[in-house]
């Protein structure tokens, strides 16, 4: 008996094998212009988000400054009212004291002449 070796004739890169495609497809990729457009759109979107967040912070700062100015005005009014209260209390206590009750009313006796 002779030794028999099996040699295939089809040794090319694309051989006909069961359950395998013989067509090779090339991968499609985006072109350079498409890539530039996509990157610029992403940059634009992130820029708009950044600007929107910045304006939110500015509007909050404006609201805070408005509230702080109202607080300052009300503190000034409170101080004025505290002074007025002290003035009215001092007049009321002075008129109710026994020393003030024993005093005579002031009258003009005359003017100095030269």
N, C-alpha and C. Protein backbone atom coordinates (compact mmCIF):
# COMPACT_ATOMS: atom_id res chain seq x y z
N UNK A 1 0.80 -1.16 0.00
CA UNK A 1 0.00 0.00 0.00
C UNK A 1 0.86 1.25 0.00
N UNK A 2 0.39 2.20 -0.69
CA UNK A 2 1.12 3.45 -0.78
C UNK A 2 0.52 4.47 0.18
N UNK A 3 1.42 5.28 0.66
CA UNK A 3 0.93 6.38 1.51
C UNK A 3 0.33 7.46 0.61
N UNK A 4 -0.85 7.76 0.87
CA UNK A 4 -1.49 8.79 0.06
C UNK A 4 -1.68 10.04 0.91
N UNK A 5 -1.30 11.14 0.37
CA UNK A 5 -1.50 12.42 1.05
C UNK A 5 -2.53 13.23 0.28
N UNK A 6 -3.34 13.87 0.99
CA UNK A 6 -4.41 14.66 0.39
C UNK A 6 -3.91 16.08 0.21
N UNK A 7 -3.92 16.58 -0.99
CA UNK A 7 -3.48 17.93 -1.29
C UNK A 7 -4.64 18.69 -1.90
N UNK A 8 -4.90 19.86 -1.33
CA UNK A 8 -5.98 20.68 -1.87
C UNK A 8 -5.42 21.62 -2.90
N UNK A 9 -6.17 21.84 -3.91
CA UNK A 9 -5.72 22.75 -4.95
C UNK A 9 -6.10 24.18 -4.61
N UNK A 10 -7.09 24.29 -3.84
CA UNK A 10 -7.54 25.64 -3.52
C UNK A 10 -6.86 26.12 -2.25
N UNK A 11 -5.75 26.72 -2.36
CA UNK A 11 -5.02 27.25 -1.20
C UNK A 11 -5.06 28.76 -1.17
N UNK A 12 -5.92 29.35 -1.94
CA UNK A 12 -6.01 30.81 -1.98
C UNK A 12 -6.63 31.33 -0.68
N UNK A 13 -6.61 32.63 -0.53
CA UNK A 13 -7.11 33.24 0.70
C UNK A 13 -8.60 33.05 0.85
N UNK A 14 -9.31 33.06 -0.24
CA UNK A 14 -10.75 32.86 -0.17
C UNK A 14 -11.06 31.48 -0.73
N UNK A 15 -11.26 30.57 0.10
CA UNK A 15 -11.56 29.22 -0.37
C UNK A 15 -13.03 28.93 -0.12
N UNK A 16 -13.56 28.03 -0.87
CA UNK A 16 -14.95 27.66 -0.72
C UNK A 16 -15.06 26.64 0.40
N UNK A 17 -15.54 27.06 1.51
CA UNK A 17 -15.69 26.18 2.66
C UNK A 17 -17.16 26.20 3.03
N UNK A 18 -17.62 25.17 3.57
CA UNK A 18 -19.01 25.06 3.92
C UNK A 18 -19.37 26.08 5.00
N UNK A 19 -20.53 26.74 4.85
CA UNK A 19 -21.07 27.73 5.78
C UNK A 19 -20.15 28.94 5.97
N UNK A 20 -19.46 29.32 4.95
CA UNK A 20 -18.61 30.50 5.04
C UNK A 20 -18.77 31.32 3.76
N UNK A 21 -18.87 32.63 3.95
CA UNK A 21 -19.05 33.50 2.79
C UNK A 21 -17.73 33.61 2.02
N UNK A 22 -17.84 33.76 0.73
CA UNK A 22 -16.64 33.91 -0.09
C UNK A 22 -16.41 35.35 -0.48
N UNK A 23 -17.32 36.24 -0.08
CA UNK A 23 -17.19 37.64 -0.42
C UNK A 23 -16.68 38.39 0.80
N UNK A 24 -15.69 39.21 0.55
CA UNK A 24 -15.19 40.04 1.65
C UNK A 24 -15.70 41.46 1.47
N UNK A 25 -16.23 41.97 2.55
CA UNK A 25 -16.75 43.33 2.51
C UNK A 25 -15.75 44.26 3.16
N UNK A 26 -15.59 45.42 2.59
CA UNK A 26 -14.71 46.42 3.20
C UNK A 26 -15.53 47.24 4.19
N UNK A 27 -14.92 47.61 5.29
CA UNK A 27 -15.61 48.40 6.29
C UNK A 27 -15.76 49.83 5.79
N UNK A 28 -16.94 50.34 5.97
CA UNK A 28 -17.16 51.72 5.57
C UNK A 28 -16.92 52.61 6.78
N UNK A 29 -16.27 53.70 6.56
CA UNK A 29 -16.02 54.66 7.64
C UNK A 29 -16.46 56.03 7.19
N UNK A 30 -16.57 56.92 8.13
CA UNK A 30 -16.97 58.28 7.81
C UNK A 30 -15.82 59.00 7.11
N UNK A 31 -16.19 59.90 6.25
CA UNK A 31 -15.18 60.68 5.56
C UNK A 31 -14.66 61.80 6.45
N UNK A 32 -13.64 62.47 5.97
CA UNK A 32 -13.02 63.52 6.79
C UNK A 32 -13.98 64.70 6.99
N UNK A 33 -14.77 65.03 6.00
CA UNK A 33 -15.70 66.16 6.13
C UNK A 33 -16.79 65.80 7.13
N UNK A 34 -17.27 64.58 7.08
CA UNK A 34 -18.29 64.15 8.04
C UNK A 34 -17.75 64.18 9.46
N UNK A 35 -16.52 63.77 9.64
CA UNK A 35 -15.92 63.81 10.98
C UNK A 35 -15.77 65.24 11.47
N UNK A 36 -15.38 66.15 10.60
CA UNK A 36 -15.24 67.56 10.98
C UNK A 36 -16.60 68.13 11.37
N UNK A 37 -17.64 67.79 10.60
CA UNK A 37 -18.98 68.30 10.91
C UNK A 37 -19.46 67.76 12.26
N UNK A 38 -19.23 66.49 12.53
CA UNK A 38 -19.68 65.90 13.80
C UNK A 38 -18.94 66.52 14.98
N UNK A 39 -17.63 66.70 14.85
CA UNK A 39 -16.86 67.32 15.94
C UNK A 39 -17.30 68.76 16.16
N UNK A 40 -17.55 69.49 15.08
CA UNK A 40 -17.97 70.89 15.26
C UNK A 40 -19.37 70.97 15.88
N UNK A 41 -20.26 70.06 15.53
CA UNK A 41 -21.60 70.05 16.15
C UNK A 41 -21.52 69.71 17.64
N UNK A 42 -20.68 68.75 17.99
CA UNK A 42 -20.50 68.42 19.41
C UNK A 42 -19.92 69.61 20.17
N UNK A 43 -18.96 70.29 19.57
CA UNK A 43 -18.37 71.47 20.22
C UNK A 43 -19.43 72.56 20.39
N UNK A 44 -20.26 72.74 19.39
CA UNK A 44 -21.32 73.75 19.49
C UNK A 44 -22.31 73.41 20.59
N UNK A 45 -22.70 72.15 20.68
CA UNK A 45 -23.66 71.73 21.72
C UNK A 45 -23.07 71.93 23.11
N UNK A 46 -21.82 71.51 23.31
CA UNK A 46 -21.20 71.70 24.62
C UNK A 46 -21.01 73.17 24.94
N UNK A 47 -20.71 73.98 23.94
CA UNK A 47 -20.59 75.42 24.15
C UNK A 47 -21.91 76.04 24.59
N UNK A 48 -23.01 75.63 23.95
CA UNK A 48 -24.32 76.15 24.33
C UNK A 48 -24.71 75.73 25.74
N UNK A 49 -24.37 74.51 26.10
CA UNK A 49 -24.64 74.06 27.48
C UNK A 49 -23.84 74.90 28.47
N UNK A 50 -22.58 75.17 28.15
CA UNK A 50 -21.73 75.98 29.04
C UNK A 50 -22.29 77.38 29.20
N UNK A 51 -22.71 77.99 28.10
CA UNK A 51 -23.25 79.35 28.16
C UNK A 51 -24.57 79.36 28.95
N UNK A 52 -25.40 78.34 28.76
CA UNK A 52 -26.66 78.28 29.50
C UNK A 52 -26.42 78.17 30.99
N UNK A 53 -25.46 77.37 31.39
CA UNK A 53 -25.15 77.26 32.82
C UNK A 53 -24.58 78.56 33.37
N UNK A 54 -23.79 79.26 32.57
CA UNK A 54 -23.24 80.54 33.01
C UNK A 54 -24.31 81.59 33.22
N UNK A 55 -25.31 81.61 32.33
CA UNK A 55 -26.38 82.60 32.50
C UNK A 55 -27.26 82.26 33.70
N UNK A 56 -27.40 80.97 34.01
CA UNK A 56 -28.15 80.61 35.21
C UNK A 56 -27.46 81.15 36.45
N UNK A 57 -26.14 81.02 36.49
CA UNK A 57 -25.39 81.53 37.65
C UNK A 57 -25.52 83.04 37.75
N UNK A 58 -25.51 83.73 36.60
CA UNK A 58 -25.64 85.18 36.61
C UNK A 58 -27.02 85.60 37.10
N UNK A 59 -28.06 84.89 36.67
CA UNK A 59 -29.40 85.25 37.12
C UNK A 59 -29.58 84.99 38.61
N UNK A 60 -28.97 83.91 39.12
CA UNK A 60 -29.02 83.67 40.56
C UNK A 60 -28.28 84.78 41.31
N UNK A 61 -27.15 85.24 40.77
CA UNK A 61 -26.39 86.31 41.40
C UNK A 61 -27.22 87.59 41.43
N UNK A 62 -27.95 87.87 40.36
CA UNK A 62 -28.79 89.05 40.33
C UNK A 62 -29.89 88.96 41.38
N UNK A 63 -30.52 87.81 41.51
CA UNK A 63 -31.57 87.63 42.51
C UNK A 63 -31.01 87.78 43.92
N UNK A 64 -29.83 87.25 44.16
CA UNK A 64 -29.21 87.36 45.48
C UNK A 64 -28.90 88.81 45.81
N UNK A 65 -28.38 89.57 44.83
CA UNK A 65 -28.07 90.97 45.10
C UNK A 65 -29.36 91.77 45.36
N UNK A 66 -30.44 91.42 44.69
CA UNK A 66 -31.71 92.10 44.94
C UNK A 66 -32.20 91.83 46.37
N UNK A 67 -32.13 90.60 46.79
CA UNK A 67 -32.56 90.24 48.15
C UNK A 67 -31.65 90.91 49.18
N UNK A 68 -30.35 90.95 48.92
CA UNK A 68 -29.43 91.59 49.87
C UNK A 68 -29.72 93.08 49.99
N UNK A 69 -30.06 93.75 48.88
CA UNK A 69 -30.39 95.18 48.96
C UNK A 69 -31.69 95.39 49.75
N UNK A 70 -32.67 94.49 49.61
CA UNK A 70 -33.88 94.60 50.41
C UNK A 70 -33.59 94.40 51.89
N UNK A 71 -32.70 93.47 52.21
CA UNK A 71 -32.32 93.25 53.61
C UNK A 71 -31.65 94.48 54.19
N UNK A 72 -30.79 95.11 53.40
CA UNK A 72 -30.10 96.33 53.86
C UNK A 72 -31.10 97.45 54.13
N UNK A 73 -32.07 97.63 53.22
CA UNK A 73 -33.09 98.67 53.42
C UNK A 73 -33.93 98.40 54.68
N UNK A 74 -34.29 97.15 54.89
CA UNK A 74 -35.12 96.83 56.07
C UNK A 74 -34.33 96.98 57.37
N UNK A 75 -33.04 96.67 57.35
CA UNK A 75 -32.22 96.90 58.54
C UNK A 75 -32.12 98.39 58.86
N UNK A 76 -32.02 99.24 57.82
CA UNK A 76 -31.98 100.68 58.05
C UNK A 76 -33.30 101.17 58.64
N UNK A 77 -34.42 100.66 58.11
CA UNK A 77 -35.73 101.03 58.66
C UNK A 77 -35.87 100.56 60.11
N UNK A 78 -35.35 99.38 60.40
CA UNK A 78 -35.41 98.86 61.76
C UNK A 78 -34.63 99.75 62.72
N UNK A 79 -33.44 100.20 62.30
CA UNK A 79 -32.65 101.09 63.14
C UNK A 79 -33.36 102.42 63.38
N UNK A 80 -34.00 102.96 62.31
CA UNK A 80 -34.74 104.21 62.46
C UNK A 80 -35.91 104.04 63.43
N UNK A 81 -36.61 102.92 63.33
CA UNK A 81 -37.72 102.68 64.24
C UNK A 81 -37.26 102.46 65.67
N UNK A 82 -36.08 101.87 65.86
CA UNK A 82 -35.56 101.70 67.22
C UNK A 82 -35.24 103.05 67.84
N UNK A 83 -34.70 103.96 67.05
CA UNK A 83 -34.41 105.31 67.56
C UNK A 83 -35.71 106.04 67.91
N UNK A 84 -36.71 105.92 67.04
CA UNK A 84 -38.00 106.57 67.31
C UNK A 84 -38.66 106.00 68.55
N UNK A 85 -38.57 104.70 68.73
CA UNK A 85 -39.14 104.05 69.93
C UNK A 85 -38.45 104.57 71.18
N UNK A 86 -37.13 104.67 71.14
CA UNK A 86 -36.39 105.16 72.31
C UNK A 86 -36.77 106.60 72.61
N UNK A 87 -36.97 107.40 71.59
CA UNK A 87 -37.34 108.80 71.79
C UNK A 87 -38.73 108.89 72.43
N UNK A 88 -39.68 108.11 71.93
CA UNK A 88 -41.03 108.15 72.50
C UNK A 88 -41.06 107.60 73.92
N UNK A 89 -40.27 106.57 74.19
CA UNK A 89 -40.22 106.03 75.55
C UNK A 89 -39.61 107.03 76.52
N UNK A 90 -38.60 107.77 76.07
CA UNK A 90 -37.97 108.74 76.97
C UNK A 90 -38.92 109.89 77.28
N UNK A 91 -39.71 110.33 76.31
CA UNK A 91 -40.69 111.40 76.55
C UNK A 91 -41.77 110.89 77.51
N UNK A 92 -42.22 109.65 77.31
CA UNK A 92 -43.27 109.10 78.18
C UNK A 92 -42.76 108.92 79.61
N UNK A 93 -41.55 108.44 79.78
CA UNK A 93 -41.03 108.25 81.14
C UNK A 93 -40.72 109.59 81.79
N UNK A 94 -40.30 110.55 81.00
CA UNK A 94 -40.00 111.86 81.58
C UNK A 94 -41.27 112.56 82.06
N UNK A 95 -42.33 112.43 81.29
CA UNK A 95 -43.57 113.11 81.71
C UNK A 95 -44.24 112.38 82.88
N UNK A 96 -43.97 111.13 83.07
CA UNK A 96 -44.58 110.38 84.17
C UNK A 96 -43.74 110.41 85.43
N UNK A 97 -42.56 111.00 85.39
CA UNK A 97 -41.70 110.99 86.59
C UNK A 97 -42.18 112.05 87.59
N UNK A 98 -41.81 111.87 88.86
CA UNK A 98 -42.21 112.80 89.91
C UNK A 98 -41.41 114.10 89.84
N UNK A 99 -40.22 114.01 89.35
CA UNK A 99 -39.41 115.23 89.22
C UNK A 99 -40.03 116.15 88.19
N UNK A 100 -40.47 115.57 87.05
CA UNK A 100 -41.08 116.39 86.00
C UNK A 100 -42.43 116.95 86.47
N UNK A 101 -43.12 116.25 87.33
CA UNK A 101 -44.42 116.74 87.81
C UNK A 101 -44.24 117.92 88.76
N UNK A 102 -43.13 117.98 89.47
CA UNK A 102 -42.93 119.09 90.41
C UNK A 102 -42.33 120.31 89.73
N UNK A 103 -41.99 120.22 88.49
CA UNK A 103 -41.39 121.38 87.79
C UNK A 103 -42.48 122.33 87.32
N UNK A 104 -42.11 123.58 87.18
CA UNK A 104 -43.03 124.59 86.67
C UNK A 104 -42.86 124.69 85.17
N UNK A 105 -43.93 125.17 84.53
CA UNK A 105 -43.85 125.37 83.09
C UNK A 105 -42.93 126.54 82.81
N UNK A 106 -42.24 126.44 81.69
CA UNK A 106 -41.31 127.50 81.31
C UNK A 106 -42.07 128.65 80.66
N UNK A 107 -41.75 129.85 81.09
CA UNK A 107 -42.35 131.04 80.47
C UNK A 107 -41.25 132.03 80.17
N UNK A 108 -41.50 132.84 79.21
CA UNK A 108 -40.51 133.85 78.82
C UNK A 108 -40.70 135.05 79.74
N UNK A 109 -39.66 135.41 80.45
CA UNK A 109 -39.77 136.54 81.36
C UNK A 109 -39.37 137.85 80.70
N UNK A 110 -38.54 137.73 79.75
CA UNK A 110 -38.13 138.95 79.07
C UNK A 110 -36.90 138.69 78.23
N UNK A 111 -36.57 139.70 77.46
CA UNK A 111 -35.40 139.60 76.59
C UNK A 111 -34.34 140.54 77.08
N UNK A 112 -33.12 140.16 76.82
CA UNK A 112 -32.02 141.04 77.24
C UNK A 112 -31.90 142.19 76.25
N UNK A 113 -31.69 143.37 76.84
CA UNK A 113 -31.52 144.55 75.99
C UNK A 113 -30.14 145.13 76.25
N UNK A 114 -29.65 145.83 75.31
CA UNK A 114 -28.32 146.38 75.48
C UNK A 114 -28.29 147.70 76.13
